[in-house]
Amino acid sequence: MTNQEYILIVDFGSQYTQLIARRIREFSIFSLIVPHYAAEEEILKNRPAGIILSGGPMSVYDEDAPDISTEIFSHGIPVLGICYGLQLLSKKLGGRVTRGEAAEYGRAHLQISDNNGLLDRIENDSQVWMSHGDLVEALPEGFICSGSTEHTEFAVAENWESRIYGVQFHPEVYHTTEGGKILSNFAFRVCQCKGDWNTGAFADEAVEKIKNEFPEGNAICAISGGVDSSVAAVLVSKALGKRLYCVHVDNGLMRLNESAKVLEALRDKLGLNLIFVDASDEFLKKLEGVESPEEKRKIIGRTFIEIFEREAKKIPDARYLVQGTLYPDVIESVSVKGKSVTIKSHHNVGGLPEKMHLKLIEPLRELFKDEVRALGRYLGIDEQLINRQPFPGPGLAVRVLGDITREKLDVLRAADDIYISEIKNAGIYNKIWQAFCVLLPVKSVGVMGDARTYENVLALRAVTSVDGMTADWYRFDHEFLARVSNLIINKVDGVNRVVYDISSKPPATIEWE
């Protein structure tokens, strides 16, 4: 989306680079991340309103330290260096950077000596978050120091004439209490951004772009029922209309009535050209007797590709494949080390583009997950699909531990429906990253009525998370767990014991397989 104002973020390998982009977008300003070696090319191609140099894990004096051309400062575009970014710009512009006597991590308090620039409206003695080994020992000519901390003399450096700024701490993290204001000052006060990027503008521009780039031929899209593929399909359908053929495959491993809900939300309500394929028998036959989680995944992946290819051959003049690739996938596929590193591809359906020779349409590749959800609401997609919690590609196959049978899947589906319904009834569904049931490959003795039973054990799992990389178990009220346990045992034949998983990630994973 480079025909509008945006802020370019140059990545030097910081774990917080994506967070910088997110914070800028919170101001309704579009942002793009590029590796350091591509910055100059991007600036010349699409002049940004401002440039932010990210932090990074290396020293500016390391032999293979990421670098940029000094020319980046010669275009008259405002620059903000963060941590490594400050050290690098200081070194490039004639300042002096040295290794600190000791690395500084964690909280510090900012003492402001000049609040006429980047620190306008910033509270003195506010908390900032440090994470650095090197530090700036002498500023380049033309710079002033406007903020310091107990251990860092040049915590904030500014050159008002050149509009080049730097901070030694990380304003993008929430531990820096005034960090949002500092980034806002850079975006609005320094870069003079208008802040007019929004979901509607993105949708309109994306639709026009797709119309222009793909004027002929048909497109196909695999619809799982997840938010990414659903939003991508609806957006592309606004541009291509009936030239987009969506394929929804029921693999027999979905939750209760899931296919029916997908068809109602996307075909019946929004008019998508959607083909429904019931392939449950085919999948379950191939999975018969398979216990290995990895083998399950491989069988499901191969079978899906076979079925999707089979359906695609029935579509006339199919030239394009629509996928719900998101911006984090794109960013993570690019190495900060340099162009020589092989860039991995991100495909929702592994192998399809290479095997089918279709050109990709990825309308969401510049959006984060929350932005995709906002776009979905703008497009009128059912809220249940928009807010759907993450669901594994292999479906319930990795939640039935051990071998898979139709009977076990039916037990798991019924229990899972009760569990999720109770979570929604309690008003806590959106507080939980992921909740689901797992059918364990063990049985236990129980008593129901006057008879002894020997039935299945079911585990409940619920976690909180921001991105799925780490997760903590959700603290349900005990009465809630008691109610869910009673409902499942009383209503689902074949279960006589319910347990709750209180493992965090790490050391456990979110899914059991």
Protein backbone atom coordinates (compact mmCIF):
# COMPACT_ATOMS: atom_id res chain seq x y z
CA MET A 1 0.00 0.00 0.00
CA THR A 2 2.75 2.38 -0.97
CA ASN A 3 0.70 5.02 -2.77
CA GLN A 4 -0.10 6.65 0.56
CA GLU A 5 1.90 7.99 3.49
CA TYR A 6 3.68 5.38 5.54
CA ILE A 7 6.56 4.95 7.94
CA LEU A 8 9.37 2.59 6.96
CA ILE A 9 10.87 0.42 9.70
CA VAL A 10 14.38 -0.86 8.99
CA ASP A 11 14.94 -4.20 10.72
CA PHE A 12 18.28 -5.01 12.35
CA GLY A 13 17.06 -8.23 13.97
CA SER A 14 15.26 -6.91 17.04
CA GLN A 15 12.70 -9.13 18.71
CA TYR A 16 10.52 -6.00 18.96
CA THR A 17 10.51 -4.95 15.29
CA GLN A 18 6.98 -6.19 14.66
CA LEU A 19 5.84 -4.34 17.77
CA ILE A 20 7.17 -1.05 16.36
CA ALA A 21 5.04 -1.59 13.25
CA ARG A 22 2.02 -2.42 15.38
CA ARG A 23 2.39 0.71 17.50
CA ILE A 24 2.66 2.94 14.41
CA ARG A 25 -0.47 1.37 12.93
CA GLU A 26 -2.31 2.12 16.17
CA PHE A 27 -2.01 5.77 15.11
CA SER A 28 -3.85 4.95 11.82
CA ILE A 29 -0.55 5.30 9.97
CA PHE A 30 0.55 2.52 7.65
CA SER A 31 3.96 0.97 8.36
CA LEU A 32 6.25 -1.39 6.47
CA ILE A 33 9.21 -3.45 7.69
CA VAL A 34 12.21 -4.07 5.44
CA PRO A 35 15.57 -5.73 6.20
CA HIS A 36 18.44 -3.25 6.49
CA TYR A 37 19.96 -4.21 3.15
CA ALA A 38 16.72 -3.28 1.33
CA ALA A 39 16.14 0.09 3.00
CA GLU A 40 17.80 2.31 0.39
CA GLU A 41 15.97 0.62 -2.47
CA GLU A 42 12.61 0.99 -0.69
CA ILE A 43 13.24 4.68 0.05
CA LEU A 44 14.06 5.45 -3.56
CA LYS A 45 11.08 3.44 -4.82
CA ASN A 46 8.41 4.74 -2.43
CA ARG A 47 9.41 7.76 -0.39
CA PRO A 48 8.19 7.20 3.18
CA ALA A 49 7.06 9.93 5.56
CA GLY A 50 9.59 8.74 8.12
CA ILE A 51 12.14 6.02 8.86
CA ILE A 52 12.60 4.08 12.10
CA LEU A 53 15.81 2.10 12.65
CA SER A 54 15.01 -0.86 14.91
CA GLY A 55 17.06 -2.32 17.71
CA GLY A 56 19.15 -5.43 17.23
CA PRO A 57 21.02 -8.11 19.19
CA MET A 58 24.52 -7.34 17.88
CA SER A 59 27.21 -4.76 18.53
CA VAL A 60 27.86 -2.16 15.83
CA TYR A 61 31.49 -3.31 16.02
CA ASP A 62 30.79 -6.99 15.33
CA GLU A 63 32.35 -8.21 12.11
CA ASP A 64 29.03 -9.16 10.54
CA ALA A 65 26.92 -6.46 12.22
CA PRO A 66 23.94 -5.32 10.11
CA ASP A 67 24.60 -1.97 8.47
CA ILE A 68 23.02 0.69 6.27
CA SER A 69 24.35 3.23 3.82
CA THR A 70 24.99 6.73 5.14
CA GLU A 71 22.94 7.89 2.14
CA ILE A 72 19.80 6.96 4.06
CA PHE A 73 20.25 10.20 6.02
CA SER A 74 20.60 12.36 2.91
CA HIS A 75 17.05 12.22 1.57
CA GLY A 76 15.57 14.74 4.00
CA ILE A 77 13.32 12.09 5.52
CA PRO A 78 12.95 12.13 9.34
CA VAL A 79 14.80 9.26 11.05
CA LEU A 80 14.35 7.74 14.51
CA GLY A 81 16.96 5.26 15.74
CA ILE A 82 15.98 2.89 18.54
CA CYS A 83 18.71 1.25 20.68
CA TYR A 84 20.98 -0.37 18.05
CA GLY A 85 19.47 2.14 15.61
CA LEU A 86 20.73 5.05 17.74
CA GLN A 87 24.17 3.49 18.08
CA LEU A 88 24.42 2.84 14.34
CA LEU A 89 23.33 6.32 13.26
CA SER A 90 25.73 7.82 15.81
CA LYS A 91 28.60 5.76 14.42
CA LYS A 92 27.67 6.52 10.79
CA LEU A 93 27.38 10.27 11.40
CA GLY A 94 30.65 10.78 13.28
CA GLY A 95 29.74 10.08 16.90
CA ARG A 96 31.43 7.56 19.14
CA VAL A 97 29.98 4.27 20.37
CA THR A 98 31.61 2.10 22.99
CA ARG A 99 30.89 -1.11 24.80
CA GLY A 100 29.39 -0.37 28.19
CA GLU A 101 31.07 -1.52 31.38
CA ALA A 102 28.02 -3.72 31.90
CA ALA A 103 24.97 -4.45 29.82
CA GLU A 104 21.82 -2.62 30.91
CA TYR A 105 18.51 -4.45 30.87
CA GLY A 106 15.16 -3.57 32.36
CA ARG A 107 13.72 -0.49 34.02
CA ALA A 108 15.31 2.95 34.06
CA HIS A 109 13.89 6.42 34.63
CA LEU A 110 14.17 9.18 32.06
CA GLN A 111 15.41 12.61 33.15
CA ILE A 112 14.39 15.21 30.56
CA SER A 113 16.60 18.21 29.86
CA ASP A 114 14.77 19.51 26.75
CA ASN A 115 11.16 18.79 25.84
CA ASN A 116 10.85 20.98 22.76
CA GLY A 117 11.19 18.11 20.28
CA LEU A 118 10.71 14.37 20.55
CA LEU A 119 9.95 14.59 24.28
CA ASP A 120 7.11 17.11 23.98
CA ARG A 121 4.42 16.33 26.61
CA ILE A 122 6.54 13.49 28.04
CA GLU A 123 6.46 13.19 31.81
CA ASN A 124 9.79 13.63 33.56
CA ASP A 125 11.13 10.63 35.50
CA SER A 126 8.87 8.25 33.56
CA GLN A 127 9.90 4.60 33.25
CA VAL A 128 11.74 3.41 30.14
CA TRP A 129 12.90 -0.08 29.17
CA MET A 130 16.58 -0.67 28.43
CA SER A 131 18.17 -3.60 26.60
CA HIS A 132 21.70 -2.82 25.41
CA GLY A 133 25.39 -3.59 25.81
CA ASP A 134 26.94 -0.82 23.71
CA LEU A 135 26.15 2.83 24.37
CA VAL A 136 26.78 6.19 22.71
CA GLU A 137 29.80 7.88 24.28
CA ALA A 138 29.81 11.03 22.11
CA LEU A 139 27.05 12.40 19.89
CA PRO A 140 27.63 13.36 16.25
CA GLU A 141 27.99 17.05 15.43
CA GLY A 142 24.68 18.93 15.43
CA PHE A 143 22.99 16.66 18.00
CA ILE A 144 21.83 17.61 21.48
CA CYS A 145 21.06 15.36 24.42
CA SER A 146 17.50 15.87 25.60
CA GLY A 147 17.15 12.94 27.99
CA SER A 148 19.32 10.70 30.16
CA THR A 149 19.05 7.96 32.77
CA GLU A 150 21.21 7.02 35.73
CA HIS A 151 23.49 4.78 33.64
CA THR A 152 23.00 6.23 30.12
CA GLU A 153 24.06 9.82 29.49
CA PHE A 154 22.67 10.00 25.95
CA ALA A 155 19.32 8.25 26.34
CA VAL A 156 17.67 10.64 23.86
CA ALA A 157 19.56 12.45 21.10
CA GLU A 158 18.09 14.97 18.64
CA ASN A 159 19.19 16.92 15.58
CA TRP A 160 16.26 19.24 14.90
CA GLU A 161 17.72 20.73 11.73
CA SER A 162 18.34 17.34 10.08
CA ARG A 163 15.27 15.79 11.77
CA ILE A 164 17.32 12.82 12.95
CA TYR A 165 16.53 11.42 16.41
CA GLY A 166 17.56 8.50 18.56
CA VAL A 167 16.58 6.83 21.83
CA GLN A 168 18.65 4.25 23.70
CA PHE A 169 15.59 2.59 25.25
CA HIS A 170 12.65 0.82 23.57
CA PRO A 171 9.60 3.12 23.25
CA GLU A 172 7.63 0.39 21.48
CA VAL A 173 7.36 -1.90 24.52
CA TYR A 174 4.63 -1.34 27.07
CA HIS A 175 7.13 -1.19 29.93
CA THR A 176 8.15 2.24 28.58
CA THR A 177 5.20 4.10 30.03
CA GLU A 178 5.43 7.16 27.76
CA GLY A 179 6.67 5.22 24.74
CA GLY A 180 3.46 5.62 22.79
CA LYS A 181 3.65 9.39 23.13
CA ILE A 182 7.28 9.43 21.98
CA LEU A 183 6.42 7.43 18.85
CA SER A 184 3.37 9.64 18.32
CA ASN A 185 5.56 12.76 18.54
CA PHE A 186 7.84 11.31 15.89
CA ALA A 187 4.97 10.28 13.60
CA PHE A 188 2.81 13.40 13.86
CA ARG A 189 5.05 16.24 15.08
CA VAL A 190 8.23 15.31 13.19
CA CYS A 191 6.98 13.35 10.16
CA GLN A 192 3.77 15.40 9.83
CA CYS A 193 1.67 12.29 9.18
CA LYS A 194 -2.09 12.76 8.85
CA GLY A 195 -3.11 9.39 10.33
CA ASP A 196 -5.81 8.62 7.77
CA TRP A 197 -5.09 4.92 7.13
CA ASN A 198 -8.08 2.76 8.04
CA THR A 199 -9.79 -0.52 7.26
CA GLY A 200 -12.13 0.97 4.68
CA ALA A 201 -9.31 2.67 2.80
CA PHE A 202 -7.30 -0.55 2.79
CA ALA A 203 -10.25 -2.59 1.49
CA ASP A 204 -11.06 -0.13 -1.30
CA GLU A 205 -7.45 0.07 -2.44
CA ALA A 206 -6.99 -3.72 -2.25
CA VAL A 207 -10.09 -4.37 -4.33
CA GLU A 208 -8.98 -1.94 -7.05
CA LYS A 209 -5.48 -3.42 -7.05
CA ILE A 210 -6.81 -6.98 -7.48
CA LYS A 211 -9.14 -5.87 -10.28
CA ASN A 212 -6.26 -4.24 -12.15
CA GLU A 213 -3.68 -7.00 -11.60
CA PHE A 214 -5.98 -9.95 -12.36
CA PRO A 215 -8.39 -8.80 -15.09
CA GLU A 216 -8.82 -12.23 -16.70
CA GLY A 217 -9.07 -15.85 -15.63
CA ASN A 218 -10.43 -17.51 -12.52
CA ALA A 219 -9.08 -17.86 -9.00
CA ILE A 220 -9.47 -20.63 -6.44
CA CYS A 221 -9.30 -20.46 -2.67
CA ALA A 222 -9.30 -23.15 0.01
CA ILE A 223 -11.71 -22.12 2.76
CA SER A 224 -11.07 -23.73 6.13
CA GLY A 225 -13.50 -21.62 8.12
CA GLY A 226 -10.66 -19.77 9.86
CA VAL A 227 -10.55 -15.99 9.87
CA ASP A 228 -7.59 -15.61 7.48
CA SER A 229 -8.92 -17.67 4.57
CA SER A 230 -12.46 -16.34 5.09
CA VAL A 231 -11.46 -12.67 5.02
CA ALA A 232 -9.11 -13.21 2.07
CA ALA A 233 -11.87 -14.90 0.09
CA VAL A 234 -14.51 -12.28 0.80
CA LEU A 235 -12.12 -9.44 -0.05
CA VAL A 236 -11.05 -11.05 -3.34
CA SER A 237 -14.67 -11.80 -4.22
CA LYS A 238 -15.37 -8.06 -4.05
CA ALA A 239 -12.91 -7.68 -6.93
CA LEU A 240 -13.40 -10.87 -8.94
CA GLY A 241 -17.01 -11.76 -8.16
CA LYS A 242 -17.95 -15.22 -9.47
CA ARG A 243 -14.47 -15.59 -11.00
CA LEU A 244 -13.40 -16.68 -7.51
CA TYR A 245 -14.16 -20.33 -6.74
CA CYS A 246 -13.90 -21.22 -3.06
CA VAL A 247 -13.49 -24.84 -1.98
CA HIS A 248 -14.42 -26.01 1.51
CA VAL A 249 -13.36 -29.57 2.29
CA ASP A 250 -14.95 -31.39 5.22
CA ASN A 251 -12.22 -33.81 6.25
CA GLY A 252 -14.28 -35.42 9.01
CA LEU A 253 -11.96 -33.86 11.58
CA MET A 254 -13.89 -30.65 12.17
CA ARG A 255 -15.88 -29.52 15.17
CA LEU A 256 -19.62 -30.03 15.58
CA ASN A 257 -21.61 -28.56 12.66
CA GLU A 258 -18.57 -26.53 11.57
CA SER A 259 -19.00 -27.01 7.84
CA ALA A 260 -22.66 -26.02 8.04
CA LYS A 261 -21.71 -22.81 9.87
CA VAL A 262 -19.05 -21.96 7.27
CA LEU A 263 -21.49 -22.49 4.40
CA GLU A 264 -24.15 -20.38 6.10
CA ALA A 265 -21.78 -17.49 6.92
CA LEU A 266 -19.93 -17.31 3.60
CA ARG A 267 -22.13 -18.86 0.92
CA ASP A 268 -25.66 -18.18 2.14
CA LYS A 269 -25.15 -14.78 3.79
CA LEU A 270 -22.33 -13.25 1.71
CA GLY A 271 -22.90 -14.99 -1.62
CA LEU A 272 -19.46 -16.55 -2.07
CA ASN A 273 -19.12 -18.96 -4.97
CA LEU A 274 -18.39 -21.83 -2.61
CA ILE A 275 -18.00 -25.51 -3.47
CA PHE A 276 -18.56 -27.97 -0.60
CA VAL A 277 -16.71 -31.29 -0.66
CA ASP A 278 -17.52 -33.99 1.90
CA ALA A 279 -14.33 -36.04 1.99
CA SER A 280 -14.66 -37.34 5.54
CA ASP A 281 -14.76 -41.01 4.51
CA GLU A 282 -11.63 -40.61 2.39
CA PHE A 283 -9.64 -38.96 5.20
CA LEU A 284 -10.77 -41.36 7.93
CA LYS A 285 -10.01 -44.42 5.82
CA LYS A 286 -6.42 -43.23 5.24
CA LEU A 287 -6.00 -42.44 8.96
CA GLU A 288 -7.26 -45.81 10.11
CA GLY A 289 -4.87 -47.37 12.65
CA VAL A 290 -2.39 -44.44 12.52
CA GLU A 291 -1.17 -43.30 15.96
CA SER A 292 1.90 -41.15 15.19
CA PRO A 293 1.06 -37.42 15.34
CA GLU A 294 3.57 -36.63 12.59
CA GLU A 295 2.20 -39.34 10.31
CA LYS A 296 -1.34 -38.08 10.91
CA ARG A 297 -0.30 -34.60 9.79
CA LYS A 298 1.43 -35.91 6.66
CA ILE A 299 -1.56 -38.04 5.64
CA ILE A 300 -3.98 -35.17 6.17
CA GLY A 301 -1.79 -32.73 4.23
CA ARG A 302 -1.28 -35.09 1.29
CA THR A 303 -4.94 -36.02 1.14
CA PHE A 304 -6.07 -32.42 1.21
CA ILE A 305 -3.75 -31.55 -1.68
CA GLU A 306 -5.05 -34.50 -3.70
CA ILE A 307 -8.66 -33.47 -3.14
CA PHE A 308 -8.03 -29.78 -3.74
CA GLU A 309 -6.17 -30.51 -6.97
CA ARG A 310 -9.01 -32.75 -8.07
CA GLU A 311 -11.56 -29.98 -7.49
CA ALA A 312 -9.35 -27.33 -9.06
CA LYS A 313 -9.19 -29.29 -12.33
CA LYS A 314 -12.96 -28.91 -12.61
CA ILE A 315 -12.68 -25.10 -12.55
CA PRO A 316 -12.30 -23.54 -16.02
CA ASP A 317 -9.35 -21.21 -16.72
CA ALA A 318 -8.00 -21.38 -13.15
CA ARG A 319 -4.94 -19.12 -13.05
CA TYR A 320 -4.68 -17.86 -9.47
CA LEU A 321 -4.57 -19.22 -5.93
CA VAL A 322 -5.88 -17.03 -3.09
CA GLN A 323 -4.18 -17.46 0.28
CA GLY A 324 -4.57 -15.75 3.64
CA THR A 325 -0.87 -15.05 4.23
CA LEU A 326 -0.44 -12.43 6.98
CA TYR A 327 2.27 -9.83 7.56
CA PRO A 328 4.03 -11.72 10.39
CA ASP A 329 4.49 -14.64 7.95
CA VAL A 330 6.02 -12.30 5.38
CA ILE A 331 8.34 -10.64 7.90
CA GLU A 332 9.52 -13.93 9.40
CA SER A 333 10.33 -15.31 5.95
CA VAL A 334 12.98 -12.64 5.36
CA SER A 335 16.38 -13.06 7.01
CA VAL A 336 17.94 -9.98 8.55
CA LYS A 337 21.37 -11.42 7.72
CA GLY A 338 21.27 -10.66 4.02
CA LYS A 339 20.03 -11.55 0.57
CA SER A 340 22.14 -14.69 0.35
CA VAL A 341 19.93 -16.45 2.90
CA THR A 342 17.20 -18.52 1.33
CA ILE A 343 13.79 -17.00 1.96
CA LYS A 344 11.21 -19.57 2.94
CA SER A 345 7.73 -19.37 1.49
CA HIS A 346 4.61 -19.25 3.62
CA HIS A 347 1.64 -21.13 2.21
CA ASN A 348 -1.56 -22.01 4.03
CA VAL A 349 -1.71 -25.12 1.86
CA GLY A 350 1.83 -26.45 1.58
CA GLY A 351 2.93 -27.40 -1.90
CA LEU A 352 -0.07 -26.18 -3.88
CA PRO A 353 1.54 -23.24 -5.72
CA GLU A 354 4.51 -25.32 -6.88
CA LYS A 355 2.43 -28.31 -7.95
CA MET A 356 -0.35 -26.38 -9.62
CA HIS A 357 1.60 -23.52 -11.21
CA LEU A 358 -0.88 -20.88 -10.09
CA LYS A 359 -0.06 -17.25 -9.46
CA LEU A 360 -0.62 -16.23 -5.85
CA ILE A 361 -3.10 -13.62 -4.69
CA GLU A 362 -2.31 -12.72 -1.07
CA PRO A 363 -4.51 -9.72 -0.20
CA LEU A 364 -3.74 -9.80 3.54
CA ARG A 365 0.06 -10.01 3.34
CA GLU A 366 0.44 -6.48 4.78
CA LEU A 367 -1.92 -6.96 7.74
CA PHE A 368 -1.58 -8.20 11.31
CA LYS A 369 -4.16 -10.57 12.82
CA ASP A 370 -6.18 -7.92 14.64
CA GLU A 371 -6.28 -5.84 11.44
CA VAL A 372 -7.58 -8.87 9.54
CA ARG A 373 -10.36 -9.24 12.10
CA ALA A 374 -11.25 -5.54 11.74
CA LEU A 375 -11.30 -5.96 7.96
CA GLY A 376 -13.57 -8.99 8.32
CA ARG A 377 -16.05 -6.95 10.34
CA TYR A 378 -15.94 -4.20 7.73
CA LEU A 379 -16.71 -6.80 5.05
CA GLY A 380 -19.70 -8.08 7.01
CA ILE A 381 -18.38 -11.52 7.94
CA ASP A 382 -20.19 -13.27 10.79
CA GLU A 383 -18.68 -12.41 14.18
CA GLN A 384 -18.37 -16.10 15.11
CA LEU A 385 -15.93 -16.60 12.24
CA ILE A 386 -14.07 -13.35 12.96
CA ASN A 387 -13.45 -14.20 16.61
CA ARG A 388 -12.83 -17.90 16.11
CA GLN A 389 -9.96 -19.14 18.22
CA PRO A 390 -6.97 -20.77 16.49
CA PHE A 391 -7.69 -24.27 15.21
CA PRO A 392 -4.97 -26.70 14.09
CA GLY A 393 -4.70 -27.56 10.41
CA PRO A 394 -5.07 -31.31 11.08
CA GLY A 395 -8.22 -30.53 13.09
CA LEU A 396 -9.39 -32.98 15.73
CA ALA A 397 -6.87 -35.56 14.54
CA VAL A 398 -4.32 -34.08 16.95
CA ARG A 399 -6.88 -33.92 19.76
CA VAL A 400 -7.77 -37.61 19.59
CA LEU A 401 -4.58 -39.09 20.99
CA GLY A 402 -3.66 -42.40 19.48
CA ASP A 403 -5.61 -43.99 16.63
CA ILE A 404 -8.61 -42.17 15.16
CA THR A 405 -12.10 -43.60 14.74
CA ARG A 406 -15.40 -42.00 13.84
CA GLU A 407 -16.76 -42.96 17.26
CA LYS A 408 -13.92 -41.23 19.11
CA LEU A 409 -14.34 -38.11 16.97
CA ASP A 410 -18.06 -38.02 17.77
CA VAL A 411 -17.32 -38.22 21.50
CA LEU A 412 -14.75 -35.43 21.25
CA ARG A 413 -17.04 -33.24 19.11
CA ALA A 414 -19.93 -33.50 21.56
CA ALA A 415 -17.75 -32.75 24.60
CA ASP A 416 -15.96 -29.88 22.87
CA ASP A 417 -19.28 -28.30 21.89
CA ILE A 418 -20.46 -28.35 25.51
CA TYR A 419 -17.16 -26.89 26.75
CA ILE A 420 -16.99 -24.05 24.22
CA SER A 421 -20.70 -23.25 24.62
CA GLU A 422 -20.27 -22.90 28.39
CA ILE A 423 -17.24 -20.63 27.88
CA LYS A 424 -19.29 -18.42 25.57
CA ASN A 425 -22.24 -18.43 27.98
CA ALA A 426 -19.90 -17.29 30.75
CA GLY A 427 -18.79 -14.32 28.59
CA ILE A 428 -15.09 -15.27 28.69
CA TYR A 429 -14.55 -16.67 25.17
CA ASN A 430 -12.65 -13.57 23.97
CA LYS A 431 -10.42 -13.61 27.07
CA ILE A 432 -9.02 -16.99 26.12
CA TRP A 433 -6.52 -17.51 23.29
CA GLN A 434 -7.49 -21.14 22.74
CA ALA A 435 -9.79 -23.63 24.48
CA PHE A 436 -10.51 -27.21 23.49
CA CYS A 437 -10.95 -30.80 24.64
CA VAL A 438 -8.52 -33.69 24.20
CA LEU A 439 -9.61 -37.32 24.18
CA LEU A 440 -6.95 -39.35 25.98
CA PRO A 441 -5.90 -42.87 24.97
CA VAL A 442 -6.69 -44.22 28.45
CA LYS A 443 -9.80 -45.40 30.22
CA SER A 444 -10.71 -45.18 33.87
CA VAL A 445 -13.08 -46.92 36.27
CA GLY A 446 -16.16 -44.99 37.32
CA VAL A 447 -19.57 -45.45 38.88
CA MET A 448 -22.76 -44.33 37.11
CA GLY A 449 -25.98 -45.27 38.85
CA ASP A 450 -25.45 -48.66 40.45
CA ALA A 451 -23.07 -49.87 37.77
CA ARG A 452 -19.32 -49.66 37.41
CA THR A 453 -18.05 -48.13 34.17
CA TYR A 454 -14.81 -48.30 32.26
CA GLU A 455 -14.85 -45.29 29.96
CA ASN A 456 -12.77 -42.55 28.33
CA VAL A 457 -10.87 -39.77 30.08
CA LEU A 458 -11.26 -36.29 28.61
CA ALA A 459 -8.88 -33.37 29.24
CA LEU A 460 -9.93 -29.71 29.09
CA ARG A 461 -7.36 -27.18 27.87
CA ALA A 462 -7.58 -23.37 27.93
CA VAL A 463 -4.71 -20.89 27.62
CA THR A 464 -4.10 -17.18 27.46
CA SER A 465 -1.53 -15.81 25.03
CA VAL A 466 -0.68 -12.84 22.84
CA ASP A 467 0.82 -14.62 19.85
CA GLY A 468 0.83 -18.33 20.66
CA MET A 469 4.61 -18.38 21.17
CA THR A 470 4.18 -18.55 24.94
CA ALA A 471 1.00 -19.34 26.84
CA ASP A 472 -0.32 -19.72 30.36
CA TRP A 473 -3.25 -21.85 31.52
CA TYR A 474 -6.50 -19.99 32.11
CA ARG A 475 -7.69 -19.73 35.71
CA PHE A 476 -11.32 -20.85 35.55
CA ASP A 477 -13.63 -20.46 38.51
CA HIS A 478 -13.90 -23.85 40.23
CA GLU A 479 -17.68 -23.82 39.91
CA PHE A 480 -17.32 -23.39 36.16
CA LEU A 481 -15.07 -26.44 35.88
CA ALA A 482 -17.45 -28.47 38.05
CA ARG A 483 -20.41 -27.52 35.85
CA VAL A 484 -18.59 -28.37 32.61
CA SER A 485 -17.38 -31.69 34.00
CA ASN A 486 -20.88 -32.68 35.10
CA LEU A 487 -22.43 -31.67 31.78
CA ILE A 488 -19.91 -33.65 29.73
CA ILE A 489 -20.10 -36.79 31.88
CA ASN A 490 -23.90 -36.72 31.99
CA LYS A 491 -24.50 -35.88 28.33
CA VAL A 492 -21.66 -37.52 26.40
CA ASP A 493 -21.74 -41.29 26.20
CA GLY A 494 -18.32 -42.83 26.68
CA VAL A 495 -16.77 -40.31 29.12
CA ASN A 496 -16.68 -40.86 32.87
CA ARG A 497 -13.76 -38.64 33.92
CA VAL A 498 -12.78 -35.03 33.08
CA VAL A 499 -9.43 -33.44 33.99
CA TYR A 500 -8.06 -29.91 33.49
CA ASP A 501 -4.60 -29.29 31.97
CA ILE A 502 -2.68 -26.64 33.97
CA SER A 503 0.56 -26.78 31.94
CA SER A 504 2.06 -23.58 30.53
CA LYS A 505 4.02 -23.13 27.30
CA PRO A 506 6.91 -23.67 27.72
CA PRO A 507 7.57 -26.37 28.82
CA ALA A 508 4.38 -27.87 27.36
CA THR A 509 2.92 -26.99 23.96
CA ILE A 510 -0.62 -25.65 23.55
CA GLU A 511 -1.81 -28.68 21.58
CA TRP A 512 -1.13 -32.14 22.98
CA GLU A 513 0.11 -33.53 19.66
